[in-house]
């Protein structure tokens, strides 16, 4: 006998729309005979009688089939802390503003749940980064990120001085507000705001983007996923301050950085799994969907586009003449 399917449902409990949507999700899943799990900090708000209630710890997603989040990208990043170690796919329904990581919008919710019930979704791996902090050669912290690891200044009135490094070789010294080390997934987040490029998710790469650097060579860098990026803090603390900088991972996990601290960023040992309703295993189709998402989320102007005539492949086009 097959074990009963179980889905973890998590919502942004500070939003009435997320709670209403969460209750609908719970009702639809349970009506289809699928077990529902909720965390103890959200159980009362979701009003889910009959659901399994578990502590809101990294083990909450263990042994579930998929985790459905209802909220914005912040909610999805929060829940990723549970799904990554459990190796469980995450399906985000956007109830926030941009919601770039989410797979669906609120109006798609009934169809989303029907697809989950029918197991009509694929699973995509998203690259993460592992982050190590060292002080005088000793490791003082280890963490990870799906979007980015950012070294930022603490003192508002002054810059932070850093030396950046790629694969054990010094790259440049910057006086700046910080440095973003991002994944392709994070290329549309903080790295994009800092002037970095958009990288399609199928491209495996690491990004290093300085924030407001006072230097001639201070453009965004796209680096091999096999490389190790490092940011060493030279100075930046004001009088009376112990720390010169702070490390933020996905805007959630914080590590204070004294002068002399070294932050190393490398490809993560574990990906984050995302459930996808469209595109399947075809990378071209997934790339097209990402292009559509860019246009929709950023409101990009595409008026005048006619597209390629149907049935005409690239190989059939006549050669260009000078």
Protein backbone atom coordinates (compact mmCIF):
# COMPACT_ATOMS: atom_id res chain seq x y z
CA UNK A 1 0.00 0.00 0.00
CA UNK A 2 1.33 3.39 -0.94
CA UNK A 3 1.91 5.91 1.80
CA UNK A 4 -0.56 8.78 1.91
CA UNK A 5 0.55 11.88 0.04
CA UNK A 6 1.29 14.87 2.28
CA UNK A 7 1.62 18.54 1.36
CA UNK A 8 2.96 21.24 3.67
CA UNK A 9 1.04 24.53 3.35
CA UNK A 10 2.60 27.77 4.58
CA UNK A 11 1.28 31.31 4.31
CA UNK A 12 2.14 34.90 5.08
CA UNK A 13 -0.15 35.11 8.11
CA UNK A 14 0.05 38.89 8.18
CA UNK A 15 -2.00 39.10 4.98
CA UNK A 16 -5.70 38.35 4.96
CA UNK A 17 -5.52 37.28 1.31
CA UNK A 18 -2.83 34.71 2.13
CA UNK A 19 -4.91 33.24 4.95
CA UNK A 20 -8.04 33.02 2.81
CA UNK A 21 -6.04 31.38 0.04
CA UNK A 22 -4.41 29.05 2.53
CA UNK A 23 -7.77 27.86 3.80
CA UNK A 24 -8.90 27.20 0.23
CA UNK A 25 -5.73 25.19 -0.47
CA UNK A 26 -6.18 23.12 2.68
CA UNK A 27 -9.83 22.41 1.85
CA UNK A 28 -9.12 21.39 -1.75
CA UNK A 29 -6.24 19.11 -0.83
CA UNK A 30 -8.05 17.38 2.00
CA UNK A 31 -11.17 16.93 -0.15
CA UNK A 32 -8.96 15.10 -2.65
CA UNK A 33 -7.70 12.76 0.06
CA UNK A 34 -4.27 14.35 0.32
CA UNK A 35 -2.82 14.86 3.77
CA UNK A 36 -2.11 18.45 4.81
CA UNK A 37 0.60 19.59 7.20
CA UNK A 38 0.81 23.04 8.76
CA UNK A 39 3.27 24.53 11.25
CA UNK A 40 2.18 25.31 14.78
CA UNK A 41 2.75 29.06 14.39
CA UNK A 42 0.22 29.21 11.54
CA UNK A 43 -2.27 26.48 12.45
CA UNK A 44 -4.71 28.71 14.34
CA UNK A 45 -4.79 31.33 11.57
CA UNK A 46 -5.30 28.78 8.82
CA UNK A 47 -8.15 27.04 10.65
CA UNK A 48 -7.20 23.62 9.33
CA UNK A 49 -9.00 20.95 11.40
CA UNK A 50 -7.71 17.52 10.51
CA UNK A 51 -4.34 18.80 9.35
CA UNK A 52 -1.12 17.52 10.89
CA UNK A 53 0.43 20.25 13.02
CA UNK A 54 4.23 20.24 13.38
CA UNK A 55 6.77 22.62 14.96
CA UNK A 56 8.03 25.42 12.71
CA UNK A 57 11.54 23.99 12.46
CA UNK A 58 13.74 22.96 9.51
CA UNK A 59 12.24 19.45 9.88
CA UNK A 60 8.71 20.63 9.06
CA UNK A 61 9.01 19.67 5.38
CA UNK A 62 10.46 16.21 5.96
CA UNK A 63 8.63 13.39 4.15
CA UNK A 64 6.25 15.72 2.31
CA UNK A 65 5.68 15.62 -1.44
CA UNK A 66 5.69 19.35 -2.05
CA UNK A 67 5.46 22.58 -0.05
CA UNK A 68 3.01 25.27 -1.15
CA UNK A 69 3.72 28.84 -0.06
CA UNK A 70 1.23 31.69 -0.21
CA UNK A 71 2.79 35.15 -0.04
CA UNK A 72 5.65 36.97 -1.73
CA UNK A 73 9.29 36.16 -2.39
CA UNK A 74 10.07 36.76 1.29
CA UNK A 75 7.71 33.96 2.28
CA UNK A 76 9.26 31.63 -0.26
CA UNK A 77 12.79 32.40 0.95
CA UNK A 78 11.70 31.75 4.53
CA UNK A 79 10.22 28.39 3.66
CA UNK A 80 13.26 27.44 1.56
CA UNK A 81 15.11 27.09 4.86
CA UNK A 82 12.90 24.04 5.47
CA UNK A 83 12.70 22.57 1.98
CA UNK A 84 16.41 22.69 1.09
CA UNK A 85 17.64 20.23 3.75
CA UNK A 86 14.56 18.06 3.21
CA UNK A 87 15.07 17.89 -0.57
CA UNK A 88 11.40 18.77 -1.14
CA UNK A 89 10.17 20.97 -4.03
CA UNK A 90 8.70 24.36 -3.27
CA UNK A 91 5.70 25.78 -5.14
CA UNK A 92 5.13 29.49 -4.62
CA UNK A 93 1.84 31.30 -5.21
CA UNK A 94 2.44 35.03 -5.36
CA UNK A 95 0.27 37.24 -3.19
CA UNK A 96 2.88 39.96 -2.87
CA UNK A 97 4.23 42.64 -5.20
CA UNK A 98 6.80 41.30 -7.69
CA UNK A 99 6.91 37.65 -6.67
CA UNK A 100 9.66 36.69 -9.09
CA UNK A 101 10.30 33.32 -7.47
CA UNK A 102 6.66 32.25 -7.40
CA UNK A 103 5.29 29.87 -10.00
CA UNK A 104 1.74 31.19 -10.05
CA UNK A 105 -0.46 34.15 -9.19
CA UNK A 106 -3.43 34.24 -6.84
CA UNK A 107 -5.99 33.97 -9.65
CA UNK A 108 -4.36 30.70 -10.75
CA UNK A 109 -4.86 29.05 -7.36
CA UNK A 110 -7.62 26.52 -8.20
CA UNK A 111 -5.68 25.32 -11.25
CA UNK A 112 -2.47 25.13 -9.21
CA UNK A 113 -4.07 22.85 -6.64
CA UNK A 114 -5.68 20.67 -9.32
CA UNK A 115 -2.24 20.22 -10.86
CA UNK A 116 -0.76 19.25 -7.51
CA UNK A 117 -3.60 16.81 -6.89
CA UNK A 118 -3.02 15.28 -10.34
CA UNK A 119 0.76 15.31 -9.83
CA UNK A 120 1.06 17.38 -13.03
CA UNK A 121 4.21 19.32 -12.26
CA UNK A 122 7.94 18.98 -12.77
CA UNK A 123 10.81 19.71 -10.41
CA UNK A 124 13.61 22.15 -11.23
CA UNK A 125 16.89 22.56 -9.37
CA UNK A 126 18.03 26.06 -8.49
CA UNK A 127 21.67 26.66 -7.68
CA UNK A 128 22.50 27.98 -4.21
CA UNK A 129 25.70 29.31 -2.64
CA UNK A 130 27.48 28.13 0.50
CA UNK A 131 29.03 30.92 2.53
CA UNK A 132 31.95 30.69 4.96
CA UNK A 133 33.13 33.49 7.23
CA UNK A 134 36.69 33.44 8.53
CA UNK A 135 38.57 35.58 11.03
CA UNK A 136 42.34 35.17 11.34
CA UNK A 137 42.07 31.90 9.44
CA UNK A 138 39.46 30.38 11.74
CA UNK A 139 35.93 29.69 10.59
CA UNK A 140 33.46 31.78 12.59
CA UNK A 141 30.25 31.12 10.65
CA UNK A 142 28.75 28.98 7.89
CA UNK A 143 25.50 29.69 6.07
CA UNK A 144 23.96 29.61 2.59
CA UNK A 145 21.74 31.56 0.20
CA UNK A 146 19.37 30.98 -2.71
CA UNK A 147 19.42 34.57 -4.00
CA UNK A 148 22.54 36.28 -2.69
CA UNK A 149 25.15 36.74 0.02
CA UNK A 150 25.78 40.44 0.54
CA UNK A 151 28.60 42.11 2.46
CA UNK A 152 27.37 45.56 3.47
CA UNK A 153 28.66 48.51 5.45
CA UNK A 154 27.41 49.18 8.96
CA UNK A 155 28.27 52.87 9.31
CA UNK A 156 25.90 54.93 7.21
CA UNK A 157 28.26 57.91 7.11
CA UNK A 158 31.22 56.10 5.55
CA UNK A 159 32.10 53.45 3.00
CA UNK A 160 33.44 50.01 3.70
CA UNK A 161 36.88 49.14 2.31
CA UNK A 162 37.14 45.66 0.83
CA UNK A 163 39.47 43.59 -1.31
CA UNK A 164 37.77 41.11 -3.63
CA UNK A 165 39.27 37.83 -4.77
CA UNK A 166 38.50 35.18 -7.39
CA UNK A 167 40.03 31.71 -7.08
CA UNK A 168 42.75 32.73 -4.59
CA UNK A 169 43.87 35.70 -6.69
CA UNK A 170 43.20 39.34 -5.71
CA UNK A 171 40.89 41.18 -8.08
CA UNK A 172 40.44 44.76 -6.83
CA UNK A 173 40.12 46.95 -3.77
CA UNK A 174 36.89 48.92 -3.51
CA UNK A 175 35.60 51.64 -1.28
CA UNK A 176 31.89 50.91 -1.53
CA UNK A 177 28.59 50.37 0.21
CA UNK A 178 28.96 46.63 -0.19
CA UNK A 179 29.35 43.68 -2.54
CA UNK A 180 26.63 41.30 -3.72
CA UNK A 181 27.54 37.70 -4.54
CA UNK A 182 24.51 36.23 -6.27
CA UNK A 183 23.17 33.16 -8.03
CA UNK A 184 21.29 33.28 -11.35
CA UNK A 185 18.09 33.07 -9.30
CA UNK A 186 19.19 36.13 -7.36
CA UNK A 187 20.16 38.07 -10.48
CA UNK A 188 16.70 39.66 -10.57
CA UNK A 189 16.83 40.65 -6.88
CA UNK A 190 19.42 42.76 -5.02
CA UNK A 191 22.10 42.18 -7.68
CA UNK A 192 19.80 43.64 -10.34
CA UNK A 193 19.07 46.71 -8.18
CA UNK A 194 22.82 47.22 -7.81
CA UNK A 195 23.32 47.23 -11.59
CA UNK A 196 24.01 43.57 -12.23
CA UNK A 197 22.86 41.59 -15.28
CA UNK A 198 19.81 39.37 -15.51
CA UNK A 199 20.94 35.75 -15.84
CA UNK A 200 18.54 33.09 -17.11
CA UNK A 201 18.09 30.27 -14.53
CA UNK A 202 19.47 27.64 -16.94
CA UNK A 203 22.83 29.43 -16.96
CA UNK A 204 25.15 28.21 -14.22
CA UNK A 205 27.24 31.10 -12.94
CA UNK A 206 28.15 33.20 -9.94
CA UNK A 207 27.74 36.98 -9.92
CA UNK A 208 29.79 39.59 -8.08
CA UNK A 209 28.26 43.07 -8.11
CA UNK A 210 29.77 46.01 -6.17
CA UNK A 211 27.34 48.46 -4.57
CA UNK A 212 28.15 52.13 -5.23
CA UNK A 213 31.88 51.49 -5.55
CA UNK A 214 34.27 54.44 -5.94
CA UNK A 215 36.58 52.82 -8.48
CA UNK A 216 37.22 52.80 -12.22
CA UNK A 217 36.97 49.01 -12.41
CA UNK A 218 33.72 48.34 -10.58
CA UNK A 219 31.38 46.69 -13.05
CA UNK A 220 29.33 43.56 -12.39
CA UNK A 221 31.15 40.27 -12.98
CA UNK A 222 29.81 36.92 -14.20
CA UNK A 223 32.06 34.11 -12.99
CA UNK A 224 32.34 30.34 -13.39
CA UNK A 225 30.19 28.31 -10.98
CA UNK A 226 33.33 26.34 -10.12
CA UNK A 227 35.08 29.45 -8.82
CA UNK A 228 35.37 30.65 -5.24
CA UNK A 229 34.58 34.31 -4.59
CA UNK A 230 35.96 36.11 -1.53
CA UNK A 231 35.45 39.53 0.03
CA UNK A 232 37.90 40.68 2.70
CA UNK A 233 37.05 43.66 4.88
CA UNK A 234 39.92 46.11 5.30
CA UNK A 235 38.14 48.81 7.27
CA UNK A 236 34.83 50.56 7.67
CA UNK A 237 34.04 50.74 11.38
CA UNK A 238 33.51 54.15 12.92
CA UNK A 239 34.71 55.15 16.35
CA UNK A 240 32.90 53.12 18.97
CA UNK A 241 31.81 50.41 16.52
CA UNK A 242 32.99 46.83 16.85
CA UNK A 243 31.90 45.73 13.41
CA UNK A 244 32.85 47.19 10.04
CA UNK A 245 30.31 45.26 8.00
CA UNK A 246 27.48 42.78 8.04
CA UNK A 247 26.79 39.70 5.94
CA UNK A 248 23.19 39.14 4.88
CA UNK A 249 22.10 35.93 3.16
CA UNK A 250 18.75 36.28 1.34
CA UNK A 251 18.02 39.19 3.66
CA UNK A 252 17.28 36.68 6.44
CA UNK A 253 20.47 35.27 7.96
CA UNK A 254 22.87 37.84 9.43
CA UNK A 255 26.52 37.63 10.48
CA UNK A 256 28.37 40.66 11.88
CA UNK A 257 31.80 41.23 10.35
CA UNK A 258 34.70 42.91 12.16
CA UNK A 259 37.64 44.44 10.27
CA UNK A 260 39.77 41.63 8.87
CA UNK A 261 36.82 39.29 8.29
CA UNK A 262 36.84 37.21 5.12
CA UNK A 263 33.66 36.00 3.40
CA UNK A 264 33.99 33.11 0.94
CA UNK A 265 31.21 32.22 -1.48
CA UNK A 266 31.06 29.04 -3.56
CA UNK A 267 28.46 26.94 -5.32
CA UNK A 268 26.14 25.36 -2.79
CA UNK A 269 26.33 21.67 -1.99
CA UNK A 270 22.52 21.41 -2.01
CA UNK A 271 20.14 23.08 -4.49
CA UNK A 272 16.69 24.42 -3.76
CA UNK A 273 13.99 22.49 -5.62
CA UNK A 274 11.15 24.42 -7.26
CA UNK A 275 7.95 22.83 -8.52
CA UNK A 276 7.12 24.02 -12.03
CA UNK A 277 3.70 23.79 -13.65
CA UNK A 278 4.83 24.70 -17.16
CA UNK A 279 7.87 24.19 -19.34
CA UNK A 280 8.51 20.60 -18.31
CA UNK A 281 12.04 19.36 -18.88
CA UNK A 282 12.57 21.42 -22.04
CA UNK A 283 15.17 24.11 -21.27
CA UNK A 284 14.09 26.15 -24.30
CA UNK A 285 10.50 26.22 -23.07
CA UNK A 286 11.64 27.14 -19.56
CA UNK A 287 13.79 29.92 -21.01
CA UNK A 288 10.82 31.28 -22.94
CA UNK A 289 8.71 31.23 -19.78
CA UNK A 290 11.41 33.15 -17.93
CA UNK A 291 11.46 35.74 -20.73
CA UNK A 292 7.68 36.09 -20.41
CA UNK A 293 8.07 36.46 -16.66
CA UNK A 294 10.60 39.27 -17.10
CA UNK A 295 8.23 41.10 -19.41
CA UNK A 296 5.27 40.68 -17.05
CA UNK A 297 7.02 41.43 -13.76
CA UNK A 298 9.01 44.44 -14.98
CA UNK A 299 6.35 45.75 -17.35
CA UNK A 300 8.77 45.70 -20.29
CA UNK A 301 7.57 47.33 -23.55
CA UNK A 302 7.15 44.75 -26.31
CA UNK A 303 4.69 46.56 -28.59
CA UNK A 304 5.63 46.04 -32.23
CA UNK A 305 7.01 42.53 -31.78
CA UNK A 306 5.80 40.23 -34.55
CA UNK A 307 7.77 37.10 -33.78
CA UNK A 308 9.12 34.45 -36.13
CA UNK A 309 6.71 33.34 -38.85
CA UNK A 310 5.17 30.00 -38.03
CA UNK A 311 6.95 27.00 -39.52
CA UNK A 312 10.13 28.88 -40.37
CA UNK A 313 13.18 27.55 -38.58
CA UNK A 314 16.48 29.32 -38.19
CA UNK A 315 18.12 26.79 -40.51
CA UNK A 316 15.67 27.74 -43.28
CA UNK A 317 16.50 31.44 -43.27
CA UNK A 318 18.39 32.69 -46.31
CA UNK A 319 21.98 33.82 -45.73
CA UNK A 320 22.50 37.50 -45.04
CA UNK A 321 24.04 39.59 -47.81
CA UNK A 322 26.41 42.50 -47.26
